[in-house]
Amino acid sequence: MKIAVDAMGGDYAPHATVQGSIDALNNSNKKLEIILLGDENQINDILQSQFSNNINVIHCSDEVTMDDNGAKVIKSKPDSSIVQGIRLVKDHKADAFISAGNTGAQLAVSHLILGRIPHVKRPGLAVFFQALNEKKVLCDVGANPEVKPEHLLQFAIMSSVYLDHVEGVKKPKVGLINIGTEPSKGTELYRQAYELLSNELPDFVGNIESRNFFDSSAHILVCDGFIGNTIMKFAEGCFNTFSEMIRKNIMTKARYKIGAGMIKPALDALRPYYDFEEHGGCPFLGVNGVSISCHGASTSKAIMNSIFLAKKSIENNLIRDISIGIDEHLGAIS
């Protein structure tokens, strides 16, 4: 199995991407090969200090920045790690591509080079999040600010296959993010989506309000990319702010500092709820290949877990089974 990694993408690249790749190899119990794409001099400088087998380096002379227009990088920066990495997947020289760089560029290039799985109208960006007792999936989180009801249906189908394959959740329940639980709530788009999901998905549980985001009965939550991206970033900001508030208050008094040691295990147990490093990256569901976008602030741990996520997706034939799931509902998709 070969996984291509954008060595130059992210706030802490190339150190985090190279180290994360090494850690993935050292912690993998199956044969795995990593292809690092980027500035070979920078990559090799890091590899020399910590050599690992099964790493190949492909030099790329172009670098995609966060200011680049994602839709134009194929022509403006054809020798970038994002373009070349996704071409490796297209040409079956790699089984998956991972990047913590420009998300818009990765999504655009993935769409243009890999194409879509047959009958997929719009690929969606999905993210894991930790609920009270289980992992759930939110889709879309930024790829499609404007959608149609059939797109939301496909997000639900693809996310259900993804959660089944990666977490083993059979027949996951699906919820539609909305401003109220009644079928009549929301815009015309969401009212139509409610009706479509009700007719097509036996495991649809209805509308889910944002206050029940973490404790609803749904395993899959679907919405347009504008709402999903806002929810994801708001939740991340809330957890980070709450953590900082706790830290500052603990430091105000000596007795609080003493008690901090007693509650530290409980606070550490909350980490999976807000730490993106635990879950790896976000797969671009619906493109005809495994393409995973990582948080821009990804550390080596996040890169390692993203590689494991890609590995599990490949081993469980995610692309094939998404295609099967989509085909089962062709009659509902215009």
C-alpha atoms as a PDB file:
ATOM      1  CA  MET A   1       0.000   0.000   0.000  1.00  0.00           C
ATOM      2  CA  LYS A   2       1.351   3.424  -0.993  1.00  0.00           C
ATOM      3  CA  ILE A   3       0.181   6.703   0.523  1.00  0.00           C
ATOM      4  CA  ALA A   4       1.311  10.043  -0.920  1.00  0.00           C
ATOM      5  CA  VAL A   5       1.831  12.875   1.574  1.00  0.00           C
ATOM      6  CA  ASP A   6       2.158  16.582   0.801  1.00  0.00           C
ATOM      7  CA  ALA A   7       5.344  17.249   2.755  1.00  0.00           C
ATOM      8  CA  MET A   8       5.076  21.024   2.336  1.00  0.00           C
ATOM      9  CA  GLY A   9       1.464  21.494   3.471  1.00  0.00           C
ATOM     10  CA  GLY A  10       0.539  22.890   6.882  1.00  0.00           C
ATOM     11  CA  ASP A  11       1.782  25.315   9.507  1.00  0.00           C
ATOM     12  CA  TYR A  12       4.455  22.927  10.782  1.00  0.00           C
ATOM     13  CA  ALA A  13       5.614  21.447   7.494  1.00  0.00           C
ATOM     14  CA  PRO A  14       7.867  19.836   6.529  1.00  0.00           C
ATOM     15  CA  HIS A  15       8.911  18.698  10.025  1.00  0.00           C
ATOM     16  CA  ALA A  16       5.420  17.588  11.118  1.00  0.00           C
ATOM     17  CA  THR A  17       4.579  15.882   7.826  1.00  0.00           C
ATOM     18  CA  VAL A  18       7.866  14.003   7.590  1.00  0.00           C
ATOM     19  CA  GLN A  19       7.866  12.996  11.258  1.00  0.00           C
ATOM     20  CA  GLY A  20       4.219  11.959  11.077  1.00  0.00           C
ATOM     21  CA  SER A  21       5.018   9.753   8.099  1.00  0.00           C
ATOM     22  CA  ILE A  22       7.916   8.133   9.954  1.00  0.00           C
ATOM     23  CA  ASP A  23       5.718   7.568  13.011  1.00  0.00           C
ATOM     24  CA  ALA A  24       3.017   5.972  10.851  1.00  0.00           C
ATOM     25  CA  LEU A  25       5.532   3.537   9.393  1.00  0.00           C
ATOM     26  CA  ASN A  26       6.967   2.709  12.809  1.00  0.00           C
ATOM     27  CA  ASN A  27       3.496   2.055  14.227  1.00  0.00           C
ATOM     28  CA  SER A  28       2.019   0.140  11.312  1.00  0.00           C
ATOM     29  CA  ASN A  29       1.736  -3.625  11.538  1.00  0.00           C
ATOM     30  CA  LYS A  30       1.246  -4.030   7.800  1.00  0.00           C
ATOM     31  CA  LYS A  31       3.401  -3.238   4.791  1.00  0.00           C
ATOM     32  CA  LEU A  32       3.127   0.462   4.078  1.00  0.00           C
ATOM     33  CA  GLU A  33       5.050   2.824   1.834  1.00  0.00           C
ATOM     34  CA  ILE A  34       5.013   6.610   2.108  1.00  0.00           C
ATOM     35  CA  ILE A  35       5.707   8.922  -0.820  1.00  0.00           C
ATOM     36  CA  LEU A  36       6.727  12.405   0.357  1.00  0.00           C
ATOM     37  CA  LEU A  37       6.239  15.182  -2.190  1.00  0.00           C
ATOM     38  CA  GLY A  38       7.873  18.597  -1.942  1.00  0.00           C
ATOM     39  CA  ASP A  39      11.280  20.221  -1.621  1.00  0.00           C
ATOM     40  CA  GLU A  40      13.633  17.246  -1.586  1.00  0.00           C
ATOM     41  CA  ASN A  41      16.425  19.159   0.164  1.00  0.00           C
ATOM     42  CA  GLN A  42      14.221  20.091   3.117  1.00  0.00           C
ATOM     43  CA  ILE A  43      12.693  16.616   3.271  1.00  0.00           C
ATOM     44  CA  ASN A  44      16.038  14.813   3.108  1.00  0.00           C
ATOM     45  CA  ASP A  45      17.527  17.051   5.803  1.00  0.00           C
ATOM     46  CA  ILE A  46      14.858  15.763   8.192  1.00  0.00           C
ATOM     47  CA  LEU A  47      15.070  12.166   7.014  1.00  0.00           C
ATOM     48  CA  GLN A  48      18.837  12.102   7.591  1.00  0.00           C
ATOM     49  CA  SER A  49      18.348  12.746  11.287  1.00  0.00           C
ATOM     50  CA  GLN A  50      15.773   9.965  11.594  1.00  0.00           C
ATOM     51  CA  PHE A  51      16.026   7.470   8.779  1.00  0.00           C
ATOM     52  CA  SER A  52      13.096   5.222   8.011  1.00  0.00           C
ATOM     53  CA  ASN A  53      12.650   2.519   5.410  1.00  0.00           C
ATOM     54  CA  ASN A  54       9.753   2.564   2.955  1.00  0.00           C
ATOM     55  CA  ILE A  55       9.893   6.311   2.327  1.00  0.00           C
ATOM     56  CA  ASN A  56      10.353   7.655  -1.193  1.00  0.00           C
ATOM     57  CA  VAL A  57      10.819  11.337  -1.987  1.00  0.00           C
ATOM     58  CA  ILE A  58       9.530  13.056  -5.124  1.00  0.00           C
ATOM     59  CA  HIS A  59      10.846  16.566  -5.666  1.00  0.00           C
ATOM     60  CA  CYS A  60       8.286  19.225  -6.601  1.00  0.00           C
ATOM     61  CA  SER A  61       9.514  22.611  -7.796  1.00  0.00           C
ATOM     62  CA  ASP A  62       6.225  24.476  -7.212  1.00  0.00           C
ATOM     63  CA  GLU A  63       4.615  25.181  -3.849  1.00  0.00           C
ATOM     64  CA  VAL A  64       0.925  25.944  -3.304  1.00  0.00           C
ATOM     65  CA  THR A  65       0.397  28.665  -0.691  1.00  0.00           C
ATOM     66  CA  MET A  66      -2.749  29.547   1.231  1.00  0.00           C
ATOM     67  CA  ASP A  67      -3.193  32.576  -1.045  1.00  0.00           C
ATOM     68  CA  ASP A  68      -3.331  30.557  -4.262  1.00  0.00           C
ATOM     69  CA  ASN A  69      -6.611  30.180  -6.126  1.00  0.00           C
ATOM     70  CA  GLY A  70      -7.435  26.498  -5.741  1.00  0.00           C
ATOM     71  CA  ALA A  71      -9.097  26.125  -9.125  1.00  0.00           C
ATOM     72  CA  LYS A  72      -6.070  27.523 -10.950  1.00  0.00           C
ATOM     73  CA  VAL A  73      -3.165  25.629  -9.380  1.00  0.00           C
ATOM     74  CA  ILE A  74      -3.316  22.800 -11.938  1.00  0.00           C
ATOM     75  CA  LYS A  75      -2.190  25.281 -14.585  1.00  0.00           C
ATOM     76  CA  SER A  76      -0.296  27.808 -12.467  1.00  0.00           C
ATOM     77  CA  LYS A  77       1.619  25.296 -10.319  1.00  0.00           C
ATOM     78  CA  PRO A  78       1.560  21.934 -12.105  1.00  0.00           C
ATOM     79  CA  ASP A  79       4.696  20.687 -10.335  1.00  0.00           C
ATOM     80  CA  SER A  80       3.318  21.292  -6.842  1.00  0.00           C
ATOM     81  CA  SER A  81       2.999  18.524  -4.267  1.00  0.00           C
ATOM     82  CA  ILE A  82      -0.810  18.750  -4.323  1.00  0.00           C
ATOM     83  CA  VAL A  83      -1.109  18.362  -8.093  1.00  0.00           C
ATOM     84  CA  GLN A  84       1.580  15.702  -8.386  1.00  0.00           C
ATOM     85  CA  GLY A  85       0.319  13.763  -5.359  1.00  0.00           C
ATOM     86  CA  ILE A  86      -3.220  13.552  -6.687  1.00  0.00           C
ATOM     87  CA  ARG A  87      -1.904  12.548 -10.110  1.00  0.00           C
ATOM     88  CA  LEU A  88      -0.156   9.618  -8.420  1.00  0.00           C
ATOM     89  CA  VAL A  89      -3.554   8.438  -7.150  1.00  0.00           C
ATOM     90  CA  LYS A  90      -5.124   8.933 -10.575  1.00  0.00           C
ATOM     91  CA  ASP A  91      -2.330   6.928 -12.221  1.00  0.00           C
ATOM     92  CA  HIS A  92      -2.583   4.160  -9.577  1.00  0.00           C
ATOM     93  CA  LYS A  93       0.957   4.873  -8.373  1.00  0.00           C
ATOM     94  CA  ALA A  94      -0.416   5.754  -4.927  1.00  0.00           C
ATOM     95  CA  ASP A  95      -3.531   4.538  -3.124  1.00  0.00           C
ATOM     96  CA  ALA A  96      -4.314   7.780  -1.292  1.00  0.00           C
ATOM     97  CA  PHE A  97      -3.219  11.404  -0.932  1.00  0.00           C
ATOM     98  CA  ILE A  98      -2.978  13.467   2.258  1.00  0.00           C
ATOM     99  CA  SER A  99      -2.355  17.203   2.665  1.00  0.00           C
ATOM    100  CA  ALA A 100      -2.507  19.800   5.443  1.00  0.00           C
ATOM    101  CA  GLY A 101      -2.075  22.587   2.908  1.00  0.00           C
ATOM    102  CA  ASN A 102      -4.549  24.694   0.934  1.00  0.00           C
ATOM    103  CA  THR A 103      -7.865  22.842   1.321  1.00  0.00           C
ATOM    104  CA  GLY A 104      -9.532  24.657  -1.555  1.00  0.00           C
ATOM    105  CA  ALA A 105      -6.703  23.689  -3.883  1.00  0.00           C
ATOM    106  CA  GLN A 106      -6.788  20.069  -2.767  1.00  0.00           C
ATOM    107  CA  LEU A 107     -10.546  19.839  -3.262  1.00  0.00           C
ATOM    108  CA  ALA A 108     -10.422  21.485  -6.679  1.00  0.00           C
ATOM    109  CA  VAL A 109      -7.501  19.385  -7.912  1.00  0.00           C
ATOM    110  CA  SER A 110      -9.036  16.185  -6.515  1.00  0.00           C
ATOM    111  CA  HIS A 111     -12.274  16.952  -8.323  1.00  0.00           C
ATOM    112  CA  LEU A 112     -10.596  17.839 -11.614  1.00  0.00           C
ATOM    113  CA  ILE A 113      -7.989  15.064 -11.743  1.00  0.00           C
ATOM    114  CA  LEU A 114      -9.692  12.158  -9.962  1.00  0.00           C
ATOM    115  CA  GLY A 115     -13.190  12.978 -11.139  1.00  0.00           C
ATOM    116  CA  ARG A 116     -16.302  11.864  -9.302  1.00  0.00           C
ATOM    117  CA  ILE A 117     -17.511   8.400  -8.446  1.00  0.00           C
ATOM    118  CA  PRO A 118     -20.187   7.544 -11.063  1.00  0.00           C
ATOM    119  CA  HIS A 119     -23.547   9.231 -10.327  1.00  0.00           C
ATOM    120  CA  VAL A 120     -22.167  11.395  -7.485  1.00  0.00           C
ATOM    121  CA  LYS A 121     -23.483  14.921  -8.045  1.00  0.00           C
ATOM    122  CA  ARG A 122     -21.343  16.760  -5.489  1.00  0.00           C
ATOM    123  CA  PRO A 123     -18.456  15.389  -3.428  1.00  0.00           C
ATOM    124  CA  GLY A 124     -18.614  16.395   0.230  1.00  0.00           C
ATOM    125  CA  LEU A 125     -16.001  17.048   2.898  1.00  0.00           C
ATOM    126  CA  ALA A 126     -16.661  14.943   6.004  1.00  0.00           C
ATOM    127  CA  VAL A 127     -15.265  15.217   9.517  1.00  0.00           C
ATOM    128  CA  PHE A 128     -15.293  12.907  12.521  1.00  0.00           C
ATOM    129  CA  PHE A 129     -16.260  14.350  15.886  1.00  0.00           C
ATOM    130  CA  GLN A 130     -16.528  12.757  19.285  1.00  0.00           C
ATOM    131  CA  ALA A 131     -20.008  12.698  20.832  1.00  0.00           C
ATOM    132  CA  LEU A 132     -20.867  11.541  24.350  1.00  0.00           C
ATOM    133  CA  ASN A 133     -20.396   7.836  23.731  1.00  0.00           C
ATOM    134  CA  GLU A 134     -19.359   7.450  20.102  1.00  0.00           C
ATOM    135  CA  LYS A 135     -17.816   9.008  17.040  1.00  0.00           C
ATOM    136  CA  LYS A 136     -20.079  10.724  14.542  1.00  0.00           C
ATOM    137  CA  VAL A 137     -19.677  12.258  11.100  1.00  0.00           C
ATOM    138  CA  LEU A 138     -20.638  15.734   9.908  1.00  0.00           C
ATOM    139  CA  CYS A 139     -20.896  16.351   6.148  1.00  0.00           C
ATOM    140  CA  ASP A 140     -20.470  18.764   4.376  1.00  0.00           C
ATOM    141  CA  VAL A 141     -17.952  21.007   6.182  1.00  0.00           C
ATOM    142  CA  GLY A 142     -16.959  23.399   3.441  1.00  0.00           C
ATOM    143  CA  ALA A 143     -16.831  21.941  -0.058  1.00  0.00           C
ATOM    144  CA  ASN A 144     -20.358  23.030  -1.087  1.00  0.00           C
ATOM    145  CA  PRO A 145     -21.752  26.293   0.362  1.00  0.00           C
ATOM    146  CA  GLU A 146     -24.846  25.851  -1.811  1.00  0.00           C
ATOM    147  CA  VAL A 147     -26.546  22.483  -2.276  1.00  0.00           C
ATOM    148  CA  LYS A 148     -29.717  20.767  -3.471  1.00  0.00           C
ATOM    149  CA  PRO A 149     -31.762  18.161  -1.563  1.00  0.00           C
ATOM    150  CA  GLU A 150     -30.279  15.299  -3.602  1.00  0.00           C
ATOM    151  CA  HIS A 151     -26.785  16.456  -2.636  1.00  0.00           C
ATOM    152  CA  LEU A 152     -27.689  16.165   1.045  1.00  0.00           C
ATOM    153  CA  LEU A 153     -29.038  12.671   0.386  1.00  0.00           C
ATOM    154  CA  GLN A 154     -25.755  11.684  -1.223  1.00  0.00           C
ATOM    155  CA  PHE A 155     -23.760  13.195   1.662  1.00  0.00           C
ATOM    156  CA  ALA A 156     -25.777  10.982   4.003  1.00  0.00           C
ATOM    157  CA  ILE A 157     -25.213   7.852   1.903  1.00  0.00           C
ATOM    158  CA  MET A 158     -21.475   8.431   1.513  1.00  0.00           C
ATOM    159  CA  SER A 159     -21.006   9.318   5.183  1.00  0.00           C
ATOM    160  CA  SER A 160     -22.901   6.198   6.245  1.00  0.00           C
ATOM    161  CA  VAL A 161     -20.570   3.995   4.192  1.00  0.00           C
ATOM    162  CA  TYR A 162     -17.572   5.882   5.580  1.00  0.00           C
ATOM    163  CA  LEU A 163     -18.637   5.476   9.227  1.00  0.00           C
ATOM    164  CA  ASP A 164     -19.374   1.795   8.660  1.00  0.00           C
ATOM    165  CA  HIS A 165     -15.979   1.156   7.070  1.00  0.00           C
ATOM    166  CA  VAL A 166     -13.831   3.206   9.443  1.00  0.00           C
ATOM    167  CA  GLU A 167     -15.644   2.738  12.770  1.00  0.00           C
ATOM    168  CA  GLY A 168     -17.728  -0.367  12.105  1.00  0.00           C
ATOM    169  CA  VAL A 169     -21.070   1.346  12.795  1.00  0.00           C
ATOM    170  CA  LYS A 170     -23.712  -0.711  10.993  1.00  0.00           C
ATOM    171  CA  LYS A 171     -26.807   1.036   9.638  1.00  0.00           C
ATOM    172  CA  PRO A 172     -25.930   4.431  11.158  1.00  0.00           C
ATOM    173  CA  LYS A 173     -28.788   6.808  11.865  1.00  0.00           C
ATOM    174  CA  VAL A 174     -28.941  10.016   9.836  1.00  0.00           C
ATOM    175  CA  GLY A 175     -29.999  13.467  11.001  1.00  0.00           C
ATOM    176  CA  LEU A 176     -30.507  16.734   9.107  1.00  0.00           C
ATOM    177  CA  ILE A 177     -29.111  19.883  10.757  1.00  0.00           C
ATOM    178  CA  ASN A 178     -31.942  22.414  11.009  1.00  0.00           C
ATOM    179  CA  ILE A 179     -33.340  25.230  13.163  1.00  0.00           C
ATOM    180  CA  GLY A 180     -36.113  23.054  14.585  1.00  0.00           C
ATOM    181  CA  THR A 181     -37.178  19.434  14.807  1.00  0.00           C
ATOM    182  CA  GLU A 182     -40.477  19.776  12.940  1.00  0.00           C
ATOM    183  CA  PRO A 183     -40.559  18.781   9.232  1.00  0.00           C
ATOM    184  CA  SER A 184     -41.841  22.265   8.334  1.00  0.00           C
ATOM    185  CA  LYS A 185     -38.810  24.057   9.795  1.00  0.00           C
ATOM    186  CA  GLY A 186     -36.046  25.695   7.788  1.00  0.00           C
ATOM    187  CA  THR A 187     -35.768  26.980   4.256  1.00  0.00           C
ATOM    188  CA  GLU A 188     -37.479  25.369   1.276  1.00  0.00           C
ATOM    189  CA  LEU A 189     -34.240  23.498   0.581  1.00  0.00           C
ATOM    190  CA  TYR A 190     -34.230  21.875   3.998  1.00  0.00           C
ATOM    191  CA  ARG A 191     -37.955  21.103   3.921  1.00  0.00           C
ATOM    192  CA  GLN A 192     -37.486  19.316   0.593  1.00  0.00           C
ATOM    193  CA  ALA A 193     -34.403  17.551   1.924  1.00  0.00           C
ATOM    194  CA  TYR A 194     -36.382  16.341   4.944  1.00  0.00           C
ATOM    195  CA  GLU A 195     -38.987  14.772   2.677  1.00  0.00           C
ATOM    196  CA  LEU A 196     -36.366  13.177   0.412  1.00  0.00           C
ATOM    197  CA  LEU A 197     -34.332  11.715   3.274  1.00  0.00           C
ATOM    198  CA  SER A 198     -37.513  10.427   4.934  1.00  0.00           C
ATOM    199  CA  ASN A 199     -38.508   8.587   1.766  1.00  0.00           C
ATOM    200  CA  GLU A 200     -35.073   7.203   0.887  1.00  0.00           C
ATOM    201  CA  LEU A 201     -33.357   6.396   4.173  1.00  0.00           C
ATOM    202  CA  PRO A 202     -34.999   3.997   6.639  1.00  0.00           C
ATOM    203  CA  ASP A 203     -32.508   5.134   9.301  1.00  0.00           C
ATOM    204  CA  PHE A 204     -33.326   8.840   8.968  1.00  0.00           C
ATOM    205  CA  VAL A 205     -34.254  10.244  12.411  1.00  0.00           C
ATOM    206  CA  GLY A 206     -35.343  13.725  11.337  1.00  0.00           C
ATOM    207  CA  ASN A 207     -34.133  17.247  11.987  1.00  0.00           C
ATOM    208  CA  ILE A 208     -31.421  17.869  14.574  1.00  0.00           C
ATOM    209  CA  GLU A 209     -31.022  21.249  16.251  1.00  0.00           C
ATOM    210  CA  SER A 210     -27.504  22.537  16.870  1.00  0.00           C
ATOM    211  CA  ARG A 211     -27.979  22.327  20.649  1.00  0.00           C
ATOM    212  CA  ASN A 212     -28.284  18.544  20.225  1.00  0.00           C
ATOM    213  CA  PHE A 213     -25.251  18.312  17.972  1.00  0.00           C
ATOM    214  CA  PHE A 214     -23.272  16.170  20.421  1.00  0.00           C
ATOM    215  CA  ASP A 215     -26.047  14.172  22.082  1.00  0.00           C
ATOM    216  CA  SER A 216     -28.563  13.385  19.321  1.00  0.00           C
ATOM    217  CA  SER A 217     -29.427   9.826  18.319  1.00  0.00           C
ATOM    218  CA  ALA A 218     -28.009  10.418  14.819  1.00  0.00           C
ATOM    219  CA  HIS A 219     -24.602   9.043  13.854  1.00  0.00           C
ATOM    220  CA  ILE A 220     -24.509  11.079  10.625  1.00  0.00           C
ATOM    221  CA  LEU A 221     -25.344  14.789  10.487  1.00  0.00           C
ATOM    222  CA  VAL A 222     -25.745  16.410   7.075  1.00  0.00           C
ATOM    223  CA  CYS A 223     -25.995  20.039   6.011  1.00  0.00           C
ATOM    224  CA  ASP A 224     -24.626  22.405   3.391  1.00  0.00           C
ATOM    225  CA  GLY A 225     -20.942  23.290   3.523  1.00  0.00           C
ATOM    226  CA  PHE A 226     -21.491  26.818   4.821  1.00  0.00           C
ATOM    227  CA  ILE A 227     -23.391  25.631   7.887  1.00  0.00           C
ATOM    228  CA  GLY A 228     -21.115  22.635   8.425  1.00  0.00           C
ATOM    229  CA  ASN A 229     -17.919  24.671   8.293  1.00  0.00           C
ATOM    230  CA  THR A 230     -19.379  27.217  10.709  1.00  0.00           C
ATOM    231  CA  ILE A 231     -20.428  24.491  13.164  1.00  0.00           C
ATOM    232  CA  MET A 232     -17.030  22.793  12.991  1.00  0.00           C
ATOM    233  CA  LYS A 233     -15.044  25.971  13.613  1.00  0.00           C
ATOM    234  CA  PHE A 234     -17.434  27.232  16.291  1.00  0.00           C
ATOM    235  CA  ALA A 235     -17.149  23.940  18.185  1.00  0.00           C
ATOM    236  CA  GLU A 236     -13.353  23.980  17.914  1.00  0.00           C
ATOM    237  CA  GLY A 237     -13.228  27.578  19.148  1.00  0.00           C
ATOM    238  CA  CYS A 238     -15.571  26.852  22.064  1.00  0.00           C
ATOM    239  CA  PHE A 239     -13.507  23.906  23.267  1.00  0.00           C
ATOM    240  CA  ASN A 240     -10.251  25.831  22.956  1.00  0.00           C
ATOM    241  CA  THR A 241     -11.662  28.849  24.792  1.00  0.00           C
ATOM    242  CA  PHE A 242     -13.178  26.683  27.518  1.00  0.00           C
ATOM    243  CA  SER A 243      -9.850  24.903  28.018  1.00  0.00           C
ATOM    244  CA  GLU A 244      -8.025  28.226  28.312  1.00  0.00           C
ATOM    245  CA  MET A 245     -10.615  29.538  30.793  1.00  0.00           C
ATOM    246  CA  ILE A 246     -10.085  26.475  32.982  1.00  0.00           C
ATOM    247  CA  ARG A 247      -6.312  26.873  32.809  1.00  0.00           C
ATOM    248  CA  LYS A 248      -6.394  30.563  33.738  1.00  0.00           C
ATOM    249  CA  ASN A 249      -8.785  30.017  36.642  1.00  0.00           C
ATOM    250  CA  ILE A 250      -6.707  27.150  38.020  1.00  0.00           C
ATOM    251  CA  MET A 251      -3.645  29.387  38.068  1.00  0.00           C
ATOM    252  CA  THR A 252      -5.323  32.120  40.137  1.00  0.00           C
ATOM    253  CA  LYS A 253      -5.123  30.405  43.543  1.00  0.00           C
ATOM    254  CA  ALA A 254      -2.736  27.952  45.178  1.00  0.00           C
ATOM    255  CA  ARG A 255      -5.473  25.580  46.305  1.00  0.00           C
ATOM    256  CA  TYR A 256      -6.813  25.420  42.755  1.00  0.00           C
ATOM    257  CA  LYS A 257      -3.353  24.388  41.543  1.00  0.00           C
ATOM    258  CA  ILE A 258      -3.277  21.586  44.110  1.00  0.00           C
ATOM    259  CA  GLY A 259      -6.689  20.370  42.976  1.00  0.00           C
ATOM    260  CA  ALA A 260      -5.637  20.562  39.325  1.00  0.00           C
ATOM    261  CA  GLY A 261      -3.602  17.387  39.694  1.00  0.00           C
ATOM    262  CA  MET A 262      -6.682  15.532  40.906  1.00  0.00           C
ATOM    263  CA  ILE A 263      -8.892  16.552  37.990  1.00  0.00           C
ATOM    264  CA  LYS A 264      -6.218  16.274  35.282  1.00  0.00           C
ATOM    265  CA  PRO A 265      -7.203  12.691  34.288  1.00  0.00           C
ATOM    266  CA  ALA A 266     -10.807  13.820  33.813  1.00  0.00           C
ATOM    267  CA  LEU A 267      -9.712  16.784  31.706  1.00  0.00           C
ATOM    268  CA  ASP A 268      -7.424  14.575  29.637  1.00  0.00           C
ATOM    269  CA  ALA A 269     -10.390  12.279  28.953  1.00  0.00           C
ATOM    270  CA  LEU A 270     -12.118  15.224  27.253  1.00  0.00           C
ATOM    271  CA  ARG A 271      -9.342  15.612  24.692  1.00  0.00           C
ATOM    272  CA  PRO A 272     -10.979  13.434  21.998  1.00  0.00           C
ATOM    273  CA  TYR A 273     -13.986  15.781  22.036  1.00  0.00           C
ATOM    274  CA  TYR A 274     -12.011  18.739  20.745  1.00  0.00           C
ATOM    275  CA  ASP A 275      -8.588  17.581  19.583  1.00  0.00           C
ATOM    276  CA  PHE A 276      -8.540  17.136  15.798  1.00  0.00           C
ATOM    277  CA  GLU A 277      -5.236  15.280  16.117  1.00  0.00           C
ATOM    278  CA  GLU A 278      -7.089  12.267  17.508  1.00  0.00           C
ATOM    279  CA  HIS A 279      -9.256  11.805  14.413  1.00  0.00           C
ATOM    280  CA  GLY A 280      -6.864  12.566  11.567  1.00  0.00           C
ATOM    281  CA  GLY A 281      -8.111  14.438   8.520  1.00  0.00           C
ATOM    282  CA  CYS A 282     -11.306  14.973   6.559  1.00  0.00           C
ATOM    283  CA  PRO A 283     -11.957  12.738   3.533  1.00  0.00           C
ATOM    284  CA  PHE A 284     -13.330  14.268   0.352  1.00  0.00           C
ATOM    285  CA  LEU A 285     -16.185  11.802  -0.137  1.00  0.00           C
ATOM    286  CA  GLY A 286     -17.401  11.310  -3.679  1.00  0.00           C
ATOM    287  CA  VAL A 287     -14.206  11.813  -5.659  1.00  0.00           C
ATOM    288  CA  ASN A 288     -12.913   8.706  -7.391  1.00  0.00           C
ATOM    289  CA  GLY A 289      -9.969   8.144  -5.066  1.00  0.00           C
ATOM    290  CA  VAL A 290      -8.950   8.621  -1.438  1.00  0.00           C
ATOM    291  CA  SER A 291      -8.061  12.285  -0.813  1.00  0.00           C
ATOM    292  CA  ILE A 292      -7.812  13.438   2.809  1.00  0.00           C
ATOM    293  CA  SER A 293      -7.532  17.056   3.922  1.00  0.00           C
ATOM    294  CA  CYS A 294      -5.845  17.712   7.276  1.00  0.00           C
ATOM    295  CA  HIS A 295      -6.113  20.680   9.640  1.00  0.00           C
ATOM    296  CA  GLY A 296      -3.629  23.424   8.769  1.00  0.00           C
ATOM    297  CA  ALA A 297      -2.186  23.225  12.293  1.00  0.00           C
ATOM    298  CA  SER A 298      -1.618  19.472  12.053  1.00  0.00           C
ATOM    299  CA  THR A 299       1.239  18.104  14.138  1.00  0.00           C
ATOM    300  CA  SER A 300       3.073  14.865  13.450  1.00  0.00           C
ATOM    301  CA  LYS A 301       0.418  13.010  15.461  1.00  0.00           C
ATOM    302  CA  ALA A 302      -2.386  14.364  13.259  1.00  0.00           C
ATOM    303  CA  ILE A 303      -0.485  13.421  10.106  1.00  0.00           C
ATOM    304  CA  MET A 304       0.136   9.915  11.449  1.00  0.00           C
ATOM    305  CA  ASN A 305      -3.549   9.434  12.277  1.00  0.00           C
ATOM    306  CA  SER A 306      -4.540  10.762   8.851  1.00  0.00           C
ATOM    307  CA  ILE A 307      -2.300   8.156   7.252  1.00  0.00           C
ATOM    308  CA  PHE A 308      -3.979   5.471   9.364  1.00  0.00           C
ATOM    309  CA  LEU A 309      -7.381   6.823   8.296  1.00  0.00           C
ATOM    310  CA  ALA A 310      -6.374   6.603   4.637  1.00  0.00           C
ATOM    311  CA  LYS A 311      -5.005   3.116   5.202  1.00  0.00           C
ATOM    312  CA  LYS A 312      -8.259   1.909   6.740  1.00  0.00           C
ATOM    313  CA  SER A 313     -10.292   3.489   3.920  1.00  0.00           C
ATOM    314  CA  ILE A 314      -8.214   1.651   1.331  1.00  0.00           C
ATOM    315  CA  GLU A 315      -8.279  -1.687   3.142  1.00  0.00           C
ATOM    316  CA  ASN A 316     -12.069  -1.548   3.426  1.00  0.00           C
ATOM    317  CA  ASN A 317     -12.730  -0.579  -0.216  1.00  0.00           C
ATOM    318  CA  LEU A 318     -14.357   2.737   0.652  1.00  0.00           C
ATOM    319  CA  ILE A 319     -14.568   4.044  -2.929  1.00  0.00           C
ATOM    320  CA  ARG A 320     -16.129   0.839  -4.281  1.00  0.00           C
ATOM    321  CA  ASP A 321     -18.766   0.686  -1.566  1.00  0.00           C
ATOM    322  CA  ILE A 322     -19.680   4.365  -1.828  1.00  0.00           C
ATOM    323  CA  SER A 323     -20.370   3.683  -5.502  1.00  0.00           C
ATOM    324  CA  ILE A 324     -22.615   0.755  -4.558  1.00  0.00           C
ATOM    325  CA  GLY A 325     -24.476   2.881  -2.002  1.00  0.00           C
ATOM    326  CA  ILE A 326     -25.052   5.698  -4.486  1.00  0.00           C
ATOM    327  CA  ASP A 327     -26.337   3.284  -7.148  1.00  0.00           C
ATOM    328  CA  GLU A 328     -28.980   1.964  -4.745  1.00  0.00           C
ATOM    329  CA  HIS A 329     -30.666   5.384  -4.682  1.00  0.00           C
ATOM    330  CA  LEU A 330     -30.366   6.436  -8.325  1.00  0.00           C
ATOM    331  CA  GLY A 331     -34.125   6.760  -8.688  1.00  0.00           C
ATOM    332  CA  ALA A 332     -34.229   9.602  -6.169  1.00  0.00           C
ATOM    333  CA  ILE A 333     -31.449  11.605  -7.814  1.00  0.00           C
ATOM    334  CA  SER A 334     -32.427  13.762 -10.755  1.00  0.00           C
END
